[in-house]
Amino acid sequence: MNIFITLNAYIFANTTRLLRWAIGINYFWFGILKFFDGLSPAEMLAKDTIRVITFGLIPDDVNLMLLAIWEVAIGVIFLSGRFTRIGAQAAVVHMLFTFLPLFFFPHVSFTHAPYGFTIIGQYIVKNLVFLAGLAVILKEEKLSRPY
């Protein structure tokens, strides 16, 4: 029984750190997948979305590599605990971009717009949870380092 009390106390004392680690693992892992052609299930959606917002001026492979670097960098920042505010801000920007397929590609996001989601639409909308977690991290960063 004592182990549960200790574990509970640890979790309670480290909720923001655990949240940062959880988001960091996701960013690092999903970013690493994008370095390997065909390994990320979001590869085509990411390429299509970035192609629209860059007006097709940058090759898809370059866009995907830049996205991979961005995601891995956020993951490393969150896992290291250094420059967390910058990492959280970069993650918020990234998360906002992830909602664009709902508008650019409603045919792949919805079975019945605006309430019936495909698996891709669900994949996108779950990012609201990440945004809420990032808001908590940013709030805690501001409280601990108000400068």
C-alpha atoms as a PDB file:
ATOM      1  CA  MET A   1       0.000   0.000   0.000  1.00  0.00           C
ATOM      2  CA  ASN A   2       2.904   2.370   0.742  1.00  0.00           C
ATOM      3  CA  ILE A   3       4.133   2.114  -2.875  1.00  0.00           C
ATOM      4  CA  PHE A   4       0.802   3.490  -4.089  1.00  0.00           C
ATOM      5  CA  ILE A   5       1.024   6.447  -1.739  1.00  0.00           C
ATOM      6  CA  THR A   6       4.583   7.141  -2.888  1.00  0.00           C
ATOM      7  CA  LEU A   7       3.647   6.784  -6.557  1.00  0.00           C
ATOM      8  CA  ASN A   8       0.621   9.017  -6.100  1.00  0.00           C
ATOM      9  CA  ALA A   9       2.740  11.659  -4.372  1.00  0.00           C
ATOM     10  CA  TYR A  10       5.328  11.526  -7.162  1.00  0.00           C
ATOM     11  CA  ILE A  11       2.703  11.864  -9.891  1.00  0.00           C
ATOM     12  CA  PHE A  12       0.986  14.729  -8.090  1.00  0.00           C
ATOM     13  CA  ALA A  13       4.283  16.568  -7.579  1.00  0.00           C
ATOM     14  CA  ASN A  14       5.374  16.066 -11.208  1.00  0.00           C
ATOM     15  CA  THR A  15       2.205  16.384 -13.302  1.00  0.00           C
ATOM     16  CA  THR A  16       3.560  19.077 -15.606  1.00  0.00           C
ATOM     17  CA  ARG A  17       6.866  17.252 -16.066  1.00  0.00           C
ATOM     18  CA  LEU A  18       5.017  14.019 -16.898  1.00  0.00           C
ATOM     19  CA  LEU A  19       2.787  15.895 -19.338  1.00  0.00           C
ATOM     20  CA  ARG A  20       5.855  17.470 -20.965  1.00  0.00           C
ATOM     21  CA  TRP A  21       7.526  14.056 -21.252  1.00  0.00           C
ATOM     22  CA  ALA A  22       4.396  12.460 -22.735  1.00  0.00           C
ATOM     23  CA  ILE A  23       4.073  15.167 -25.370  1.00  0.00           C
ATOM     24  CA  GLY A  24       7.834  15.079 -25.958  1.00  0.00           C
ATOM     25  CA  ILE A  25       7.817  11.328 -26.595  1.00  0.00           C
ATOM     26  CA  ASN A  26       4.983  11.736 -29.110  1.00  0.00           C
ATOM     27  CA  TYR A  27       6.731  14.544 -30.952  1.00  0.00           C
ATOM     28  CA  PHE A  28      10.091  12.784 -30.984  1.00  0.00           C
ATOM     29  CA  TRP A  29       8.663   9.450 -32.103  1.00  0.00           C
ATOM     30  CA  PHE A  30       6.315  10.812 -34.779  1.00  0.00           C
ATOM     31  CA  GLY A  31       9.052  13.143 -36.030  1.00  0.00           C
ATOM     32  CA  ILE A  32      11.601  10.339 -36.345  1.00  0.00           C
ATOM     33  CA  LEU A  33       9.135   8.325 -38.445  1.00  0.00           C
ATOM     34  CA  LYS A  34       9.003  11.146 -40.997  1.00  0.00           C
ATOM     35  CA  PHE A  35      12.721  10.771 -41.741  1.00  0.00           C
ATOM     36  CA  PHE A  36      12.011   7.354 -43.284  1.00  0.00           C
ATOM     37  CA  ASP A  37       9.972   7.278 -46.490  1.00  0.00           C
ATOM     38  CA  GLY A  38       6.587   5.622 -46.041  1.00  0.00           C
ATOM     39  CA  LEU A  39       6.957   4.926 -42.311  1.00  0.00           C
ATOM     40  CA  SER A  40       4.723   7.713 -40.982  1.00  0.00           C
ATOM     41  CA  PRO A  41       0.991   7.122 -41.420  1.00  0.00           C
ATOM     42  CA  ALA A  42       0.575  10.912 -41.607  1.00  0.00           C
ATOM     43  CA  GLU A  43       3.126  11.346 -44.405  1.00  0.00           C
ATOM     44  CA  MET A  44       0.723  11.899 -47.307  1.00  0.00           C
ATOM     45  CA  LEU A  45      -1.605  14.126 -45.295  1.00  0.00           C
ATOM     46  CA  ALA A  46       1.361  16.225 -44.156  1.00  0.00           C
ATOM     47  CA  LYS A  47       2.758  16.483 -47.692  1.00  0.00           C
ATOM     48  CA  ASP A  48      -0.626  17.443 -49.134  1.00  0.00           C
ATOM     49  CA  THR A  49      -1.294  20.048 -46.447  1.00  0.00           C
ATOM     50  CA  ILE A  50       2.148  21.638 -46.623  1.00  0.00           C
ATOM     51  CA  ARG A  51       1.949  21.694 -50.427  1.00  0.00           C
ATOM     52  CA  VAL A  52      -1.243  23.784 -50.174  1.00  0.00           C
ATOM     53  CA  ILE A  53       0.124  26.261 -47.611  1.00  0.00           C
ATOM     54  CA  THR A  54       3.422  26.693 -49.494  1.00  0.00           C
ATOM     55  CA  PHE A  55       1.627  26.945 -52.870  1.00  0.00           C
ATOM     56  CA  GLY A  56       3.694  23.985 -54.073  1.00  0.00           C
ATOM     57  CA  LEU A  57       6.860  26.089 -54.158  1.00  0.00           C
ATOM     58  CA  ILE A  58       8.865  23.689 -51.985  1.00  0.00           C
ATOM     59  CA  PRO A  59       9.303  20.016 -52.922  1.00  0.00           C
ATOM     60  CA  ASP A  60       7.285  17.563 -50.806  1.00  0.00           C
ATOM     61  CA  ASP A  61      10.373  15.689 -49.612  1.00  0.00           C
ATOM     62  CA  VAL A  62      11.975  18.923 -48.374  1.00  0.00           C
ATOM     63  CA  ASN A  63       8.759  19.908 -46.598  1.00  0.00           C
ATOM     64  CA  LEU A  64       8.535  16.525 -44.911  1.00  0.00           C
ATOM     65  CA  MET A  65      12.179  16.689 -43.823  1.00  0.00           C
ATOM     66  CA  LEU A  66      11.643  20.178 -42.344  1.00  0.00           C
ATOM     67  CA  LEU A  67       8.527  18.938 -40.533  1.00  0.00           C
ATOM     68  CA  ALA A  68      10.482  15.956 -39.181  1.00  0.00           C
ATOM     69  CA  ILE A  69      13.215  18.269 -37.894  1.00  0.00           C
ATOM     70  CA  TRP A  70      10.616  20.572 -36.322  1.00  0.00           C
ATOM     71  CA  GLU A  71       8.836  17.701 -34.559  1.00  0.00           C
ATOM     72  CA  VAL A  72      12.028  16.017 -33.343  1.00  0.00           C
ATOM     73  CA  ALA A  73      13.332  19.362 -32.062  1.00  0.00           C
ATOM     74  CA  ILE A  74      10.138  19.904 -30.064  1.00  0.00           C
ATOM     75  CA  GLY A  75      10.443  16.372 -28.688  1.00  0.00           C
ATOM     76  CA  VAL A  76      14.068  16.887 -27.650  1.00  0.00           C
ATOM     77  CA  ILE A  77      13.218  20.222 -26.034  1.00  0.00           C
ATOM     78  CA  PHE A  78      10.370  18.706 -24.033  1.00  0.00           C
ATOM     79  CA  LEU A  79      12.340  15.654 -22.996  1.00  0.00           C
ATOM     80  CA  SER A  80      15.341  17.750 -21.954  1.00  0.00           C
ATOM     81  CA  GLY A  81      13.345  20.360 -20.064  1.00  0.00           C
ATOM     82  CA  ARG A  82      15.455  23.140 -21.633  1.00  0.00           C
ATOM     83  CA  PHE A  83      13.866  25.986 -23.608  1.00  0.00           C
ATOM     84  CA  THR A  84      10.440  24.579 -22.797  1.00  0.00           C
ATOM     85  CA  ARG A  85       8.587  27.831 -23.465  1.00  0.00           C
ATOM     86  CA  ILE A  86      10.028  28.039 -26.985  1.00  0.00           C
ATOM     87  CA  GLY A  87       9.253  24.361 -27.574  1.00  0.00           C
ATOM     88  CA  ALA A  88       5.676  24.779 -26.367  1.00  0.00           C
ATOM     89  CA  GLN A  89       5.169  27.817 -28.579  1.00  0.00           C
ATOM     90  CA  ALA A  90       6.539  25.916 -31.592  1.00  0.00           C
ATOM     91  CA  ALA A  91       4.255  22.999 -30.732  1.00  0.00           C
ATOM     92  CA  VAL A  92       1.192  25.274 -30.526  1.00  0.00           C
ATOM     93  CA  VAL A  93       1.974  26.641 -33.999  1.00  0.00           C
ATOM     94  CA  HIS A  94       2.407  23.082 -35.267  1.00  0.00           C
ATOM     95  CA  MET A  95      -0.837  21.942 -33.651  1.00  0.00           C
ATOM     96  CA  LEU A  96      -2.762  24.826 -35.227  1.00  0.00           C
ATOM     97  CA  PHE A  97      -1.443  23.791 -38.648  1.00  0.00           C
ATOM     98  CA  THR A  98      -2.637  20.231 -38.036  1.00  0.00           C
ATOM     99  CA  PHE A  99      -6.260  21.455 -38.189  1.00  0.00           C
ATOM    100  CA  LEU A 100      -5.904  22.759 -41.759  1.00  0.00           C
ATOM    101  CA  PRO A 101      -6.847  19.439 -43.445  1.00  0.00           C
ATOM    102  CA  LEU A 102     -10.324  19.810 -41.928  1.00  0.00           C
ATOM    103  CA  PHE A 103     -10.727  22.841 -44.203  1.00  0.00           C
ATOM    104  CA  PHE A 104      -8.469  21.922 -47.131  1.00  0.00           C
ATOM    105  CA  PHE A 105      -9.523  18.280 -47.438  1.00  0.00           C
ATOM    106  CA  PRO A 106     -12.979  17.837 -45.905  1.00  0.00           C
ATOM    107  CA  HIS A 107     -13.531  14.764 -48.110  1.00  0.00           C
ATOM    108  CA  VAL A 108     -10.795  12.880 -46.210  1.00  0.00           C
ATOM    109  CA  SER A 109     -11.652  14.377 -42.809  1.00  0.00           C
ATOM    110  CA  PHE A 110     -15.414  13.831 -42.629  1.00  0.00           C
ATOM    111  CA  THR A 111     -17.974  11.192 -43.447  1.00  0.00           C
ATOM    112  CA  HIS A 112     -20.725  13.739 -42.684  1.00  0.00           C
ATOM    113  CA  ALA A 113     -19.361  17.259 -42.167  1.00  0.00           C
ATOM    114  CA  PRO A 114     -19.106  18.790 -39.621  1.00  0.00           C
ATOM    115  CA  TYR A 115     -19.809  16.051 -37.062  1.00  0.00           C
ATOM    116  CA  GLY A 116     -19.047  12.674 -38.665  1.00  0.00           C
ATOM    117  CA  PHE A 117     -15.274  12.207 -38.702  1.00  0.00           C
ATOM    118  CA  THR A 118     -13.205   9.731 -40.650  1.00  0.00           C
ATOM    119  CA  ILE A 119     -10.246   8.174 -38.844  1.00  0.00           C
ATOM    120  CA  ILE A 120      -8.149  11.036 -40.265  1.00  0.00           C
ATOM    121  CA  GLY A 121     -10.598  13.586 -38.883  1.00  0.00           C
ATOM    122  CA  GLN A 122     -10.441  11.917 -35.482  1.00  0.00           C
ATOM    123  CA  TYR A 123      -6.645  11.908 -35.696  1.00  0.00           C
ATOM    124  CA  ILE A 124      -6.771  15.666 -36.258  1.00  0.00           C
ATOM    125  CA  VAL A 125      -9.407  16.573 -33.657  1.00  0.00           C
ATOM    126  CA  LYS A 126      -7.585  14.667 -30.897  1.00  0.00           C
ATOM    127  CA  ASN A 127      -4.957  17.404 -31.187  1.00  0.00           C
ATOM    128  CA  LEU A 128      -7.275  19.529 -29.032  1.00  0.00           C
ATOM    129  CA  VAL A 129      -5.966  17.425 -26.141  1.00  0.00           C
ATOM    130  CA  PHE A 130      -2.380  18.316 -27.101  1.00  0.00           C
ATOM    131  CA  LEU A 131      -3.320  22.013 -27.268  1.00  0.00           C
ATOM    132  CA  ALA A 132      -4.824  21.828 -23.778  1.00  0.00           C
ATOM    133  CA  GLY A 133      -1.671  20.107 -22.497  1.00  0.00           C
ATOM    134  CA  LEU A 134       0.512  22.740 -24.143  1.00  0.00           C
ATOM    135  CA  ALA A 135      -1.570  25.461 -22.484  1.00  0.00           C
ATOM    136  CA  VAL A 136      -0.872  23.859 -19.096  1.00  0.00           C
ATOM    137  CA  ILE A 137       2.859  23.670 -19.855  1.00  0.00           C
ATOM    138  CA  LEU A 138       2.944  27.305 -20.983  1.00  0.00           C
ATOM    139  CA  LYS A 139       1.030  28.401 -17.874  1.00  0.00           C
ATOM    140  CA  GLU A 140       3.423  26.532 -15.582  1.00  0.00           C
ATOM    141  CA  GLU A 141       6.424  27.951 -17.457  1.00  0.00           C
ATOM    142  CA  LYS A 142       5.091  31.460 -16.982  1.00  0.00           C
ATOM    143  CA  LEU A 143       4.495  30.856 -13.271  1.00  0.00           C
ATOM    144  CA  SER A 144       7.941  29.358 -12.704  1.00  0.00           C
ATOM    145  CA  ARG A 145       9.826  31.796 -14.988  1.00  0.00           C
ATOM    146  CA  PRO A 146       7.834  35.018 -15.311  1.00  0.00           C
ATOM    147  CA  TYR A 147      10.522  36.821 -17.365  1.00  0.00           C
END
